[in-house]
Amino acid sequence: MAISHVLSVIAILCTLWAVAMIVLITNDLRRRGHNTPWPLIGFRFFRNASLYREITLKEEGRVGPLFNAFVIPINLAWILALIALATR
């Protein structure tokens, strides 16, 4: 298997992880009183992530764990996808 295929698979897995984390972030925001309609989650995921960051920073004095669990894999997915395209 070529390195570009391996990197593409890892990028897809990172993207799926980030999607799972944004669903958890949206659920956490819903419990805190900030509702997002399910059809609009795809359009508001960056807004929800930053809102989650702000709320947890105010409440706990540090950023909540779901924020980093979203930011790291989504950025890693972009980087891996670009490297996979470059190595093709």
C-alpha atoms as a PDB file:
ATOM      1  CA  MET A   1       0.000   0.000   0.000  1.00  0.00           C
ATOM      2  CA  ALA A   2       1.349   3.417  -0.946  1.00  0.00           C
ATOM      3  CA  ILE A   3       2.181   5.972   1.698  1.00  0.00           C
ATOM      4  CA  SER A   4      -0.445   8.355   0.287  1.00  0.00           C
ATOM      5  CA  HIS A   5      -3.139   5.729   0.894  1.00  0.00           C
ATOM      6  CA  VAL A   6      -2.019   5.175   4.458  1.00  0.00           C
ATOM      7  CA  LEU A   7      -1.987   8.914   5.129  1.00  0.00           C
ATOM      8  CA  SER A   8      -5.433   9.260   3.559  1.00  0.00           C
ATOM      9  CA  VAL A   9      -6.867   6.540   5.791  1.00  0.00           C
ATOM     10  CA  ILE A  10      -5.365   8.146   8.891  1.00  0.00           C
ATOM     11  CA  ALA A  11      -6.753  11.535   7.796  1.00  0.00           C
ATOM     12  CA  ILE A  12     -10.217  10.016   7.410  1.00  0.00           C
ATOM     13  CA  LEU A  13      -9.991   8.444  10.872  1.00  0.00           C
ATOM     14  CA  CYS A  14      -8.938  11.804  12.350  1.00  0.00           C
ATOM     15  CA  THR A  15     -11.896  13.461  10.641  1.00  0.00           C
ATOM     16  CA  LEU A  16     -14.299  10.881  12.057  1.00  0.00           C
ATOM     17  CA  TRP A  17     -12.826  11.436  15.520  1.00  0.00           C
ATOM     18  CA  ALA A  18     -13.304  15.208  15.157  1.00  0.00           C
ATOM     19  CA  VAL A  19     -16.921  14.707  14.041  1.00  0.00           C
ATOM     20  CA  ALA A  20     -17.570  12.546  17.097  1.00  0.00           C
ATOM     21  CA  MET A  21     -16.067  15.222  19.347  1.00  0.00           C
ATOM     22  CA  ILE A  22     -18.171  18.000  17.794  1.00  0.00           C
ATOM     23  CA  VAL A  23     -21.292  15.907  18.430  1.00  0.00           C
ATOM     24  CA  LEU A  24     -20.222  15.552  22.072  1.00  0.00           C
ATOM     25  CA  ILE A  25     -19.492  19.300  22.268  1.00  0.00           C
ATOM     26  CA  THR A  26     -22.932  20.076  20.836  1.00  0.00           C
ATOM     27  CA  ASN A  27     -24.535  17.723  23.351  1.00  0.00           C
ATOM     28  CA  ASP A  28     -22.620  19.380  26.210  1.00  0.00           C
ATOM     29  CA  LEU A  29     -23.737  22.819  25.016  1.00  0.00           C
ATOM     30  CA  ARG A  30     -27.322  21.586  24.827  1.00  0.00           C
ATOM     31  CA  ARG A  31     -27.122  20.503  28.477  1.00  0.00           C
ATOM     32  CA  ARG A  32     -25.847  23.993  29.316  1.00  0.00           C
ATOM     33  CA  GLY A  33     -28.788  25.663  27.547  1.00  0.00           C
ATOM     34  CA  HIS A  34     -27.253  26.479  24.141  1.00  0.00           C
ATOM     35  CA  ASN A  35     -29.280  24.559  21.580  1.00  0.00           C
ATOM     36  CA  THR A  36     -28.144  23.903  18.015  1.00  0.00           C
ATOM     37  CA  PRO A  37     -30.669  22.350  15.628  1.00  0.00           C
ATOM     38  CA  TRP A  38     -29.333  19.019  14.300  1.00  0.00           C
ATOM     39  CA  PRO A  39     -29.524  20.027  10.611  1.00  0.00           C
ATOM     40  CA  LEU A  40     -27.276  23.026  11.358  1.00  0.00           C
ATOM     41  CA  ILE A  41     -24.502  21.202  13.224  1.00  0.00           C
ATOM     42  CA  GLY A  42     -22.414  21.021  10.067  1.00  0.00           C
ATOM     43  CA  PHE A  43     -22.603  24.778   9.604  1.00  0.00           C
ATOM     44  CA  ARG A  44     -21.998  25.709  13.232  1.00  0.00           C
ATOM     45  CA  PHE A  45     -19.284  23.337  14.384  1.00  0.00           C
ATOM     46  CA  PHE A  46     -16.595  26.035  14.648  1.00  0.00           C
ATOM     47  CA  ARG A  47     -19.008  28.323  16.499  1.00  0.00           C
ATOM     48  CA  ASN A  48     -19.952  25.494  18.868  1.00  0.00           C
ATOM     49  CA  ALA A  49     -16.300  24.649  19.504  1.00  0.00           C
ATOM     50  CA  SER A  50     -15.408  28.257  20.327  1.00  0.00           C
ATOM     51  CA  LEU A  51     -18.545  28.660  22.467  1.00  0.00           C
ATOM     52  CA  TYR A  52     -17.641  25.473  24.366  1.00  0.00           C
ATOM     53  CA  ARG A  53     -14.120  26.818  24.862  1.00  0.00           C
ATOM     54  CA  GLU A  54     -15.401  30.152  26.217  1.00  0.00           C
ATOM     55  CA  ILE A  55     -17.961  28.572  28.541  1.00  0.00           C
ATOM     56  CA  THR A  56     -15.598  26.005  30.039  1.00  0.00           C
ATOM     57  CA  LEU A  57     -12.875  28.608  30.419  1.00  0.00           C
ATOM     58  CA  LYS A  58     -15.243  30.845  32.402  1.00  0.00           C
ATOM     59  CA  GLU A  59     -16.675  28.026  34.528  1.00  0.00           C
ATOM     60  CA  GLU A  60     -13.586  25.941  35.248  1.00  0.00           C
ATOM     61  CA  GLY A  61     -10.714  28.320  34.577  1.00  0.00           C
ATOM     62  CA  ARG A  62      -9.366  26.037  31.836  1.00  0.00           C
ATOM     63  CA  VAL A  63     -10.504  24.813  28.451  1.00  0.00           C
ATOM     64  CA  GLY A  64     -12.672  21.695  28.508  1.00  0.00           C
ATOM     65  CA  PRO A  65     -11.163  18.411  27.305  1.00  0.00           C
ATOM     66  CA  LEU A  66     -13.509  18.036  24.341  1.00  0.00           C
ATOM     67  CA  PHE A  67     -12.104  21.188  22.732  1.00  0.00           C
ATOM     68  CA  ASN A  68      -8.579  19.802  22.433  1.00  0.00           C
ATOM     69  CA  ALA A  69      -9.981  16.413  21.458  1.00  0.00           C
ATOM     70  CA  PHE A  70     -11.599  18.230  18.504  1.00  0.00           C
ATOM     71  CA  VAL A  71      -8.885  20.700  17.505  1.00  0.00           C
ATOM     72  CA  ILE A  72      -5.944  18.296  17.408  1.00  0.00           C
ATOM     73  CA  PRO A  73      -7.485  15.639  15.118  1.00  0.00           C
ATOM     74  CA  ILE A  74      -9.120  18.131  12.741  1.00  0.00           C
ATOM     75  CA  ASN A  75      -5.808  19.930  12.234  1.00  0.00           C
ATOM     76  CA  LEU A  76      -3.970  16.632  11.917  1.00  0.00           C
ATOM     77  CA  ALA A  77      -6.495  15.534   9.274  1.00  0.00           C
ATOM     78  CA  TRP A  78      -5.793  18.659   7.188  1.00  0.00           C
ATOM     79  CA  ILE A  79      -2.049  18.188   7.454  1.00  0.00           C
ATOM     80  CA  LEU A  80      -2.168  14.481   6.601  1.00  0.00           C
ATOM     81  CA  ALA A  81      -4.515  15.066   3.664  1.00  0.00           C
ATOM     82  CA  LEU A  82      -2.189  17.705   2.232  1.00  0.00           C
ATOM     83  CA  ILE A  83       0.845  15.435   2.661  1.00  0.00           C
ATOM     84  CA  ALA A  84      -1.071  12.551   1.037  1.00  0.00           C
ATOM     85  CA  LEU A  85      -1.881  14.769  -1.940  1.00  0.00           C
ATOM     86  CA  ALA A  86       1.719  15.935  -2.183  1.00  0.00           C
ATOM     87  CA  THR A  87       3.079  12.371  -2.169  1.00  0.00           C
ATOM     88  CA  ARG A  88       0.762  11.158  -4.913  1.00  0.00           C
END
